[in-house]
N, C-alpha and C. Protein backbone atom coordinates (compact mmCIF):
# COMPACT_ATOMS: atom_id res chain seq x y z
N MET A 1 65.55 95.02 101.94
CA MET A 1 65.71 96.44 102.86
C MET A 1 66.09 95.66 104.05
N THR A 2 67.09 96.55 103.82
CA THR A 2 68.17 96.69 105.34
C THR A 2 67.92 97.42 106.83
N HIS A 3 67.34 96.54 107.77
CA HIS A 3 67.50 97.15 108.48
C HIS A 3 68.08 97.60 109.78
N ARG A 4 68.33 98.77 110.39
CA ARG A 4 69.55 98.81 111.26
C ARG A 4 69.42 97.96 112.97
N GLU A 5 70.19 98.06 113.61
CA GLU A 5 70.48 97.65 114.73
C GLU A 5 69.93 98.79 115.51
N ILE A 6 69.17 98.18 116.58
CA ILE A 6 68.64 99.61 117.24
C ILE A 6 68.90 98.89 118.82
N ARG A 7 68.23 99.91 119.60
CA ARG A 7 68.68 99.77 121.30
C ARG A 7 67.37 100.06 121.72
N SER A 8 66.72 99.62 122.63
CA SER A 8 65.54 100.45 123.24
C SER A 8 65.67 100.31 124.88
N ILE A 9 65.15 101.70 125.43
CA ILE A 9 65.15 101.44 126.72
C ILE A 9 63.39 102.24 127.31
N THR A 10 63.74 101.89 128.53
CA THR A 10 62.37 103.00 128.98
C THR A 10 63.10 104.31 129.28
N VAL A 11 62.51 105.31 129.39
CA VAL A 11 63.23 106.42 129.51
C VAL A 11 61.58 107.62 130.49
N LYS A 12 62.29 108.40 131.20
CA LYS A 12 61.24 109.01 132.05
C LYS A 12 60.98 110.75 131.55
N LEU A 13 60.20 111.02 131.32
CA LEU A 13 59.73 112.05 130.45
C LEU A 13 59.15 113.14 132.13
N VAL A 14 59.29 114.43 131.49
CA VAL A 14 58.55 115.21 132.68
C VAL A 14 57.43 115.92 132.42
N ASN A 15 56.15 115.62 133.23
CA ASN A 15 54.87 116.82 133.02
C ASN A 15 54.84 117.63 133.85
N GLY A 16 55.13 118.77 134.26
CA GLY A 16 55.04 119.27 135.50
C GLY A 16 55.54 118.63 136.69
N ASP A 17 55.10 118.34 137.28
CA ASP A 17 55.50 117.14 138.86
C ASP A 17 55.21 116.01 138.55
N LEU A 18 54.55 115.37 137.11
CA LEU A 18 54.39 113.80 136.86
C LEU A 18 55.57 113.63 135.83
N ASP A 19 55.97 112.24 136.62
CA ASP A 19 57.18 111.55 135.77
C ASP A 19 56.59 110.61 135.01
N ILE A 20 56.92 110.49 133.42
CA ILE A 20 56.06 109.72 132.67
C ILE A 20 57.01 108.76 132.06
N PRO A 21 57.13 107.28 132.08
CA PRO A 21 57.42 106.09 131.54
C PRO A 21 57.13 106.32 130.36
N ALA A 22 58.74 105.99 129.06
CA ALA A 22 58.27 106.05 127.78
C ALA A 22 58.97 105.63 127.55
N TYR A 23 58.46 104.43 126.24
CA TYR A 23 59.43 103.34 125.43
C TYR A 23 60.22 104.38 124.24
N LEU A 24 61.52 104.05 124.75
CA LEU A 24 62.45 104.38 123.54
C LEU A 24 63.43 103.76 122.54
N ALA A 25 62.90 103.43 121.64
CA ALA A 25 63.69 102.51 120.56
C ALA A 25 64.57 103.58 119.48
N MET A 26 66.07 103.52 119.01
CA MET A 26 66.42 104.36 118.37
C MET A 26 67.70 103.74 117.77
N PRO A 27 67.87 103.79 116.55
CA PRO A 27 69.36 103.09 116.23
C PRO A 27 70.24 103.22 117.01
N VAL A 28 71.25 101.92 116.58
CA VAL A 28 72.59 102.22 117.69
C VAL A 28 73.62 103.49 117.13
N ALA A 29 73.57 103.37 115.61
CA ALA A 29 74.50 104.21 114.91
C ALA A 29 73.92 105.70 115.25
N GLU A 30 74.43 106.82 115.76
CA GLU A 30 73.82 108.18 116.59
C GLU A 30 74.10 109.16 114.86
N THR A 31 73.46 108.69 113.56
CA THR A 31 73.35 109.61 112.83
C THR A 31 71.97 110.27 112.96
N PRO A 32 72.17 111.41 111.98
CA PRO A 32 70.81 112.48 112.38
C PRO A 32 69.71 111.60 111.84
N SER A 33 68.67 111.82 112.34
CA SER A 33 67.26 110.83 112.29
C SER A 33 66.21 112.21 112.79
N PRO A 34 65.01 111.52 111.74
CA PRO A 34 63.87 112.02 112.40
C PRO A 34 63.22 111.73 113.71
N GLY A 35 62.25 112.41 114.39
CA GLY A 35 62.04 111.54 115.47
C GLY A 35 60.69 111.36 115.36
N ILE A 36 60.03 110.31 115.92
CA ILE A 36 58.40 110.39 115.85
C ILE A 36 58.07 109.66 117.06
N VAL A 37 56.61 110.18 117.78
CA VAL A 37 56.27 109.95 118.75
C VAL A 37 54.71 109.01 118.34
N VAL A 38 55.07 107.51 118.91
CA VAL A 38 54.21 106.75 118.71
C VAL A 38 53.04 106.86 119.80
N LEU A 39 51.76 106.52 119.65
CA LEU A 39 50.86 107.08 120.76
C LEU A 39 49.70 105.82 120.48
N GLN A 40 49.47 105.46 121.86
CA GLN A 40 48.86 104.03 121.89
C GLN A 40 47.56 104.24 121.92
N GLU A 41 47.13 102.60 121.59
CA GLU A 41 45.95 102.59 121.89
C GLU A 41 44.91 102.36 123.30
N ILE A 42 44.08 102.12 123.46
CA ILE A 42 43.27 102.23 124.57
C ILE A 42 44.49 100.98 126.01
N PHE A 43 44.98 100.26 125.35
CA PHE A 43 45.69 99.23 126.03
C PHE A 43 46.99 99.60 126.78
N GLY A 44 47.35 100.60 126.57
CA GLY A 44 48.70 101.02 127.17
C GLY A 44 50.24 101.02 126.15
N VAL A 45 51.27 101.08 126.85
CA VAL A 45 51.64 100.82 125.77
C VAL A 45 52.57 99.27 125.93
N ASN A 46 51.98 98.75 125.01
CA ASN A 46 52.14 97.13 125.84
C ASN A 46 53.27 96.48 124.51
N GLY A 47 53.13 95.37 124.60
CA GLY A 47 53.76 94.31 123.17
C GLY A 47 53.56 94.87 122.02
N HIS A 48 52.75 95.41 121.52
CA HIS A 48 52.12 95.72 120.04
C HIS A 48 52.83 97.28 119.98
N ILE A 49 52.72 98.29 121.40
CA ILE A 49 53.07 99.52 120.65
C ILE A 49 54.50 99.55 120.66
N ARG A 50 55.33 98.76 121.44
CA ARG A 50 56.63 98.48 122.05
C ARG A 50 57.27 98.11 120.03
N ASP A 51 56.48 96.77 120.00
CA ASP A 51 57.02 96.51 118.46
C ASP A 51 56.85 97.72 117.35
N ILE A 52 55.94 98.48 117.92
CA ILE A 52 55.40 99.43 116.09
C ILE A 52 56.61 100.59 116.64
N THR A 53 57.07 100.64 117.70
CA THR A 53 58.30 101.73 118.33
C THR A 53 59.54 101.33 117.42
N GLU A 54 59.73 99.56 117.72
CA GLU A 54 61.11 98.90 117.41
C GLU A 54 61.06 99.10 115.92
N ARG A 55 59.77 98.89 115.30
CA ARG A 55 59.79 98.71 113.65
C ARG A 55 60.47 100.31 113.20
N PHE A 56 59.88 101.47 113.87
CA PHE A 56 60.19 102.72 113.37
C PHE A 56 61.81 102.65 114.01
N ALA A 57 62.48 102.33 114.49
CA ALA A 57 63.70 102.66 114.69
C ALA A 57 64.50 101.71 113.90
N LYS A 58 64.32 100.48 113.74
CA LYS A 58 64.59 99.65 112.44
C LYS A 58 64.96 100.27 111.14
N GLU A 59 64.23 101.40 111.07
CA GLU A 59 63.85 102.42 109.62
C GLU A 59 64.76 103.60 109.61
N GLY A 60 65.32 103.68 111.11
CA GLY A 60 66.06 105.04 111.24
C GLY A 60 65.72 106.44 111.76
N TYR A 61 64.34 105.80 112.25
CA TYR A 61 63.75 106.88 113.30
C TYR A 61 64.29 106.95 114.77
N VAL A 62 64.28 107.90 115.47
CA VAL A 62 64.31 107.90 117.10
C VAL A 62 63.03 107.83 117.71
N ALA A 63 62.42 106.99 117.96
CA ALA A 63 61.15 106.82 118.34
C ALA A 63 60.54 106.54 119.30
N ILE A 64 59.27 107.20 120.05
CA ILE A 64 59.24 106.95 121.64
C ILE A 64 57.64 107.06 121.67
N ALA A 65 57.22 105.90 122.66
CA ALA A 65 55.66 105.86 123.01
C ALA A 65 55.56 106.06 124.39
N PRO A 66 54.90 107.31 124.63
CA PRO A 66 54.89 107.92 126.20
C PRO A 66 53.81 107.12 126.72
N ALA A 67 53.67 106.74 128.02
CA ALA A 67 52.43 106.00 128.71
C ALA A 67 51.43 107.14 128.76
N LEU A 68 50.53 107.32 128.36
CA LEU A 68 49.44 108.49 128.19
C LEU A 68 48.46 108.13 129.49
N TYR A 69 48.67 107.00 129.86
CA TYR A 69 47.63 106.79 131.12
C TYR A 69 48.29 106.74 132.22
N GLN A 70 49.55 107.25 132.42
CA GLN A 70 50.34 107.19 133.85
C GLN A 70 49.57 108.00 134.91
N ARG A 71 49.14 108.83 134.47
CA ARG A 71 48.50 109.95 136.04
C ARG A 71 47.24 108.58 136.44
N LEU A 72 46.78 107.80 135.18
CA LEU A 72 45.54 107.21 135.62
C LEU A 72 45.76 105.87 136.48
N ALA A 73 46.92 105.29 135.99
CA ALA A 73 47.15 104.08 136.17
C ALA A 73 48.59 103.32 135.87
N PRO A 74 48.92 104.26 136.78
CA PRO A 74 50.53 103.99 136.24
C PRO A 74 51.21 102.38 136.27
N GLY A 75 51.97 102.48 134.89
CA GLY A 75 52.17 100.86 134.49
C GLY A 75 50.84 100.52 133.99
N PHE A 76 50.15 100.56 133.16
CA PHE A 76 49.19 100.06 133.00
C PHE A 76 49.62 99.57 131.35
N GLU A 77 48.89 98.27 131.30
CA GLU A 77 49.11 97.53 129.89
C GLU A 77 48.46 96.61 129.99
N THR A 78 47.71 95.90 128.85
CA THR A 78 47.18 95.11 129.14
C THR A 78 47.14 94.72 127.67
N GLY A 79 45.77 93.57 127.46
CA GLY A 79 45.65 92.57 125.88
C GLY A 79 44.84 93.07 125.74
N TYR A 80 43.88 92.07 124.91
CA TYR A 80 42.48 92.39 124.12
C TYR A 80 41.31 91.73 123.96
N THR A 81 41.06 91.73 125.37
CA THR A 81 40.18 90.62 126.06
C THR A 81 38.66 91.69 126.30
N THR A 82 37.95 91.16 126.15
CA THR A 82 36.90 92.05 126.48
C THR A 82 36.61 93.03 127.77
N GLU A 83 37.32 92.23 128.96
CA GLU A 83 37.56 92.92 130.04
C GLU A 83 38.84 93.88 129.92
N ASP A 84 39.39 93.77 129.31
CA ASP A 84 41.06 94.83 128.89
C ASP A 84 40.29 95.95 128.31
N ILE A 85 39.54 95.73 127.20
CA ILE A 85 38.63 96.86 126.63
C ILE A 85 37.54 97.59 127.37
N LYS A 86 36.86 96.83 128.10
CA LYS A 86 36.60 97.73 129.04
C LYS A 86 37.24 98.95 129.74
N ILE A 87 38.40 98.03 130.37
CA ILE A 87 39.32 99.10 131.23
C ILE A 87 39.78 99.68 131.01
N GLY A 88 40.45 99.34 129.33
CA GLY A 88 41.21 100.83 128.66
C GLY A 88 40.19 101.58 128.36
N LYS A 89 38.79 101.53 128.05
CA LYS A 89 37.92 102.78 127.67
C LYS A 89 37.64 103.47 128.97
N GLU A 90 37.53 102.68 130.01
CA GLU A 90 36.91 103.83 131.30
C GLU A 90 38.68 104.72 131.41
N TYR A 91 39.77 104.64 131.23
CA TYR A 91 40.77 105.03 131.29
C TYR A 91 40.42 106.56 130.10
N LYS A 92 40.45 105.87 129.24
CA LYS A 92 40.51 107.01 127.95
C LYS A 92 39.17 108.11 128.29
N ALA A 93 38.41 107.29 129.04
CA ALA A 93 37.15 108.35 129.39
C ALA A 93 37.70 109.54 130.19
N GLN A 94 38.82 109.08 130.74
CA GLN A 94 39.34 109.88 132.00
C GLN A 94 40.39 111.02 131.60
N THR A 95 40.74 110.61 130.39
CA THR A 95 41.77 111.70 129.49
C THR A 95 41.53 113.09 129.43
N ARG A 96 42.69 113.74 129.39
CA ARG A 96 42.23 115.69 129.24
C ARG A 96 43.44 115.95 128.07
N ALA A 97 42.60 117.20 127.17
CA ALA A 97 43.20 117.10 125.75
C ALA A 97 44.92 117.80 126.27
N ALA A 98 44.42 119.10 127.65
CA ALA A 98 45.45 119.49 127.82
C ALA A 98 46.73 119.02 128.42
N GLU A 99 46.25 117.55 129.43
CA GLU A 99 47.45 116.85 129.92
C GLU A 99 48.08 115.92 128.96
N LEU A 100 47.04 115.39 127.92
CA LEU A 100 47.96 114.57 127.01
C LEU A 100 48.76 115.73 125.86
N LEU A 101 48.44 116.58 125.90
CA LEU A 101 49.13 117.57 124.69
C LEU A 101 50.35 117.56 125.65
N GLY A 102 50.51 117.93 127.21
CA GLY A 102 51.75 118.26 127.77
C GLY A 102 52.52 116.90 127.96
N ASP A 103 51.85 115.94 128.41
CA ASP A 103 52.60 114.26 128.01
C ASP A 103 53.56 114.57 126.75
N ILE A 104 52.28 114.44 125.12
CA ILE A 104 53.39 114.48 124.03
C ILE A 104 54.51 115.43 124.08
N GLN A 105 54.58 116.94 124.49
CA GLN A 105 55.36 117.93 124.39
C GLN A 105 56.64 117.14 125.54
N GLY A 106 56.09 116.69 126.20
CA GLY A 106 57.39 116.43 126.91
C GLY A 106 58.04 115.00 126.14
N ALA A 107 57.59 114.25 125.75
CA ALA A 107 58.43 113.18 124.54
C ALA A 107 58.85 114.05 123.53
N ILE A 108 58.48 115.18 122.87
CA ILE A 108 59.50 115.91 122.19
C ILE A 108 60.20 116.78 122.65
N ASP A 109 60.50 117.09 123.94
CA ASP A 109 61.33 117.28 124.27
C ASP A 109 62.66 116.38 124.97
N TYR A 110 62.19 115.29 125.05
CA TYR A 110 63.25 114.08 125.32
C TYR A 110 63.81 113.89 123.84
N LEU A 111 62.98 113.52 122.84
CA LEU A 111 63.58 113.86 121.46
C LEU A 111 64.40 114.66 120.91
N ARG A 112 64.25 115.96 121.35
CA ARG A 112 64.96 116.83 121.13
C ARG A 112 66.71 116.90 121.68
N SER A 113 66.45 116.31 123.00
CA SER A 113 67.66 116.25 123.76
C SER A 113 68.30 114.96 122.95
N GLN A 114 68.10 114.34 122.30
CA GLN A 114 68.98 112.98 121.62
C GLN A 114 69.50 114.18 120.52
N THR A 115 70.66 113.50 120.48
CA THR A 115 71.97 114.38 119.41
C THR A 115 71.61 113.47 118.38
N PRO A 116 70.71 112.60 117.58
CA PRO A 116 70.45 112.30 116.53
C PRO A 116 69.30 112.97 115.93
N VAL A 117 68.38 113.53 117.02
CA VAL A 117 67.35 114.60 116.47
C VAL A 117 67.66 115.67 116.60
N GLN A 118 67.67 116.34 117.45
CA GLN A 118 68.00 117.83 117.83
C GLN A 118 67.13 118.75 116.40
N ASP A 119 67.39 119.22 115.91
CA ASP A 119 67.20 119.71 115.00
C ASP A 119 66.49 119.28 113.76
N ASN A 120 65.88 117.62 113.50
CA ASN A 120 65.43 117.01 112.80
C ASN A 120 64.13 116.83 112.86
N PRO A 121 63.28 116.86 111.92
CA PRO A 121 61.91 116.91 112.37
C PRO A 121 61.72 115.64 113.13
N ILE A 122 60.30 115.84 113.66
CA ILE A 122 59.63 115.40 114.61
C ILE A 122 57.91 114.40 114.22
N GLY A 123 57.52 113.67 114.11
CA GLY A 123 55.94 113.27 113.74
C GLY A 123 55.38 112.76 114.74
N SER A 124 54.06 112.41 114.47
CA SER A 124 53.54 111.64 115.23
C SER A 124 52.54 110.43 114.88
N ILE A 125 52.25 109.56 115.51
CA ILE A 125 51.30 108.04 114.87
C ILE A 125 50.45 107.85 115.69
N GLY A 126 49.52 107.46 115.58
CA GLY A 126 48.70 106.63 116.59
C GLY A 126 47.84 105.93 115.98
N PHE A 127 47.07 105.07 116.82
CA PHE A 127 45.99 104.18 116.25
C PHE A 127 44.83 104.01 117.55
N CYS A 128 43.49 104.06 116.80
CA CYS A 128 42.35 104.09 117.58
C CYS A 128 42.33 105.20 118.33
N PHE A 129 42.29 105.10 119.67
CA PHE A 129 42.59 106.45 120.77
C PHE A 129 43.94 107.16 120.63
N GLY A 130 44.71 106.69 120.15
CA GLY A 130 45.99 106.72 119.69
C GLY A 130 45.88 107.90 118.47
N GLY A 131 45.20 107.26 117.28
CA GLY A 131 44.98 108.23 116.22
C GLY A 131 44.44 109.62 116.70
N HIS A 132 43.61 109.55 117.47
CA HIS A 132 42.76 110.96 117.68
C HIS A 132 43.85 111.54 118.19
N VAL A 133 44.60 110.80 119.45
CA VAL A 133 45.52 111.86 120.03
C VAL A 133 46.52 112.40 119.42
N ALA A 134 47.03 111.70 118.19
CA ALA A 134 48.13 111.68 117.08
C ALA A 134 47.19 113.13 116.43
N TYR A 135 46.32 113.50 116.42
CA TYR A 135 45.30 114.28 115.06
C TYR A 135 45.50 115.53 116.12
N LEU A 136 44.96 115.11 117.68
CA LEU A 136 45.57 116.51 118.61
C LEU A 136 47.08 116.76 118.71
N ALA A 137 47.84 115.89 118.51
CA ALA A 137 49.10 116.39 118.74
C ALA A 137 50.09 116.94 117.31
N ALA A 138 48.89 117.19 116.55
CA ALA A 138 49.35 117.78 115.22
C ALA A 138 49.43 119.54 115.19
N THR A 139 48.51 119.81 116.52
CA THR A 139 48.45 121.30 117.27
C THR A 139 49.72 121.45 117.43
N LEU A 140 50.48 120.65 117.62
CA LEU A 140 51.76 121.29 118.37
C LEU A 140 52.80 121.74 117.44
N PRO A 141 53.41 122.77 117.60
CA PRO A 141 53.90 123.33 116.57
C PRO A 141 55.38 122.31 116.33
N ASP A 142 56.06 121.81 117.05
CA ASP A 142 57.43 120.70 116.81
C ASP A 142 56.78 119.72 115.43
N ILE A 143 55.24 119.16 115.58
CA ILE A 143 55.40 118.55 115.09
C ILE A 143 54.52 118.43 113.50
N LYS A 144 55.42 118.12 112.16
CA LYS A 144 55.72 118.52 111.32
C LYS A 144 54.95 117.23 110.39
N ALA A 145 54.63 116.43 111.03
CA ALA A 145 53.73 115.24 109.94
C ALA A 145 53.04 114.22 110.84
N THR A 146 51.91 113.59 110.59
CA THR A 146 50.99 113.30 111.66
C THR A 146 50.36 111.94 110.91
N ALA A 147 50.09 111.00 111.74
CA ALA A 147 49.56 109.78 110.60
C ALA A 147 48.49 109.07 111.81
N SER A 148 47.07 109.20 111.53
CA SER A 148 45.92 109.27 112.28
C SER A 148 45.43 107.59 111.58
N PHE A 149 45.53 106.64 112.26
CA PHE A 149 44.95 105.66 111.72
C PHE A 149 43.68 105.24 113.01
N TYR A 150 42.71 105.56 112.19
CA TYR A 150 41.07 105.27 112.57
C TYR A 150 40.87 105.96 114.07
N GLY A 151 41.64 107.27 113.65
CA GLY A 151 41.52 108.15 115.38
C GLY A 151 39.76 108.19 115.47
N ALA A 152 39.62 107.40 116.71
CA ALA A 152 38.16 107.65 116.67
C ALA A 152 37.74 108.53 117.53
N GLY A 153 36.74 108.92 117.17
CA GLY A 153 35.63 110.58 117.74
C GLY A 153 36.14 111.60 117.53
N ILE A 154 37.43 112.18 116.36
CA ILE A 154 37.81 113.18 115.95
C ILE A 154 36.69 114.05 115.76
N THR A 155 35.90 113.68 115.13
CA THR A 155 34.63 114.42 114.77
C THR A 155 33.73 115.08 115.58
N THR A 156 33.75 114.32 116.55
CA THR A 156 32.48 114.01 117.59
C THR A 156 32.98 114.43 119.03
N MET A 157 34.16 114.42 119.54
CA MET A 157 34.42 114.69 120.86
C MET A 157 35.91 115.35 121.15
N THR A 158 36.48 115.68 121.97
CA THR A 158 37.83 115.58 122.51
C THR A 158 38.02 115.40 123.95
N PRO A 159 39.39 114.91 123.99
CA PRO A 159 39.77 113.99 125.12
C PRO A 159 39.30 115.15 126.34
N GLY A 160 38.07 114.74 127.49
CA GLY A 160 38.07 115.73 128.75
C GLY A 160 36.82 116.65 128.38
N GLY A 161 36.44 116.76 127.02
CA GLY A 161 35.41 117.62 126.88
C GLY A 161 35.28 118.91 126.14
N GLY A 162 34.69 119.45 125.81
CA GLY A 162 34.71 120.74 125.05
C GLY A 162 34.31 120.27 123.26
N GLU A 163 34.66 121.36 121.98
CA GLU A 163 34.27 120.87 121.28
C GLU A 163 35.26 119.98 120.20
N PRO A 164 35.15 119.58 119.17
CA PRO A 164 35.38 118.55 118.99
C PRO A 164 36.67 118.34 118.45
N THR A 165 37.75 117.70 118.98
CA THR A 165 39.12 117.76 118.02
C THR A 165 38.83 118.66 116.47
N ILE A 166 38.36 118.14 115.86
CA ILE A 166 38.20 118.24 114.48
C ILE A 166 38.54 119.95 114.34
N THR A 167 37.80 120.51 115.10
CA THR A 167 37.77 121.64 114.89
C THR A 167 39.32 122.65 115.37
N ARG A 168 39.87 122.18 115.85
CA ARG A 168 41.31 122.71 116.19
C ARG A 168 42.07 122.37 114.88
N THR A 169 41.30 122.06 113.85
CA THR A 169 42.25 121.42 112.74
C THR A 169 43.03 122.80 112.30
N PRO A 170 42.56 124.33 112.02
CA PRO A 170 43.25 125.38 111.70
C PRO A 170 44.64 125.47 112.46
N GLU A 171 44.94 124.91 113.40
CA GLU A 171 46.25 124.85 114.49
C GLU A 171 46.96 124.11 114.12
N ILE A 172 46.73 123.14 113.10
CA ILE A 172 47.63 122.52 112.55
C ILE A 172 48.45 122.87 111.68
N ASN A 173 49.84 122.71 111.69
CA ASN A 173 50.98 123.57 110.74
C ASN A 173 51.64 122.45 109.48
N GLY A 174 51.62 121.01 110.04
CA GLY A 174 52.22 119.39 109.57
C GLY A 174 50.98 119.24 108.45
N THR A 175 51.89 118.11 108.16
CA THR A 175 50.74 117.03 106.98
C THR A 175 50.28 116.26 108.02
N VAL A 176 49.02 115.84 107.94
CA VAL A 176 47.97 115.10 108.39
C VAL A 176 47.75 113.88 107.65
N TYR A 177 48.00 112.59 107.72
CA TYR A 177 48.01 111.86 106.65
C TYR A 177 46.66 110.66 107.89
N GLY A 178 45.25 110.51 107.30
CA GLY A 178 44.58 109.52 107.93
C GLY A 178 43.93 108.62 107.25
């Protein structure tokens, strides 16, 4: 398997008045490419999520991982200790579906501004909390495919309260892999 040479940087997304850092990885060769939004676990955009983002870029995607806790804890990233899990869960409990969707739309808009992506398909992928958020992201018109890995709570809740995220399934236009 041939992996592409990539470049990676932290970029700034906008959702209303909030600037959101996002980790962007893309092939150096600017050929037409699909985009993918990589959605974090409760641990923030840490080394693991940056590695996943880079792996997608090596396979030819323009991949972006927005910092979903930016309004709660700017720059947050952590490891996997019991204390880290506790803190991550506290931030997760404060997220709101509308804010998350706005942040993801900011990532989509950024991807669309990149020459390789422009009119190419965009998907999303997430793990645990990010898997739940990826399922939620699938309701956005630009998301054509979603992979939700162990999307915690999809059938029982939605970030910020309200009907469980699963009830939004009719709003999904793309393909969901879970």
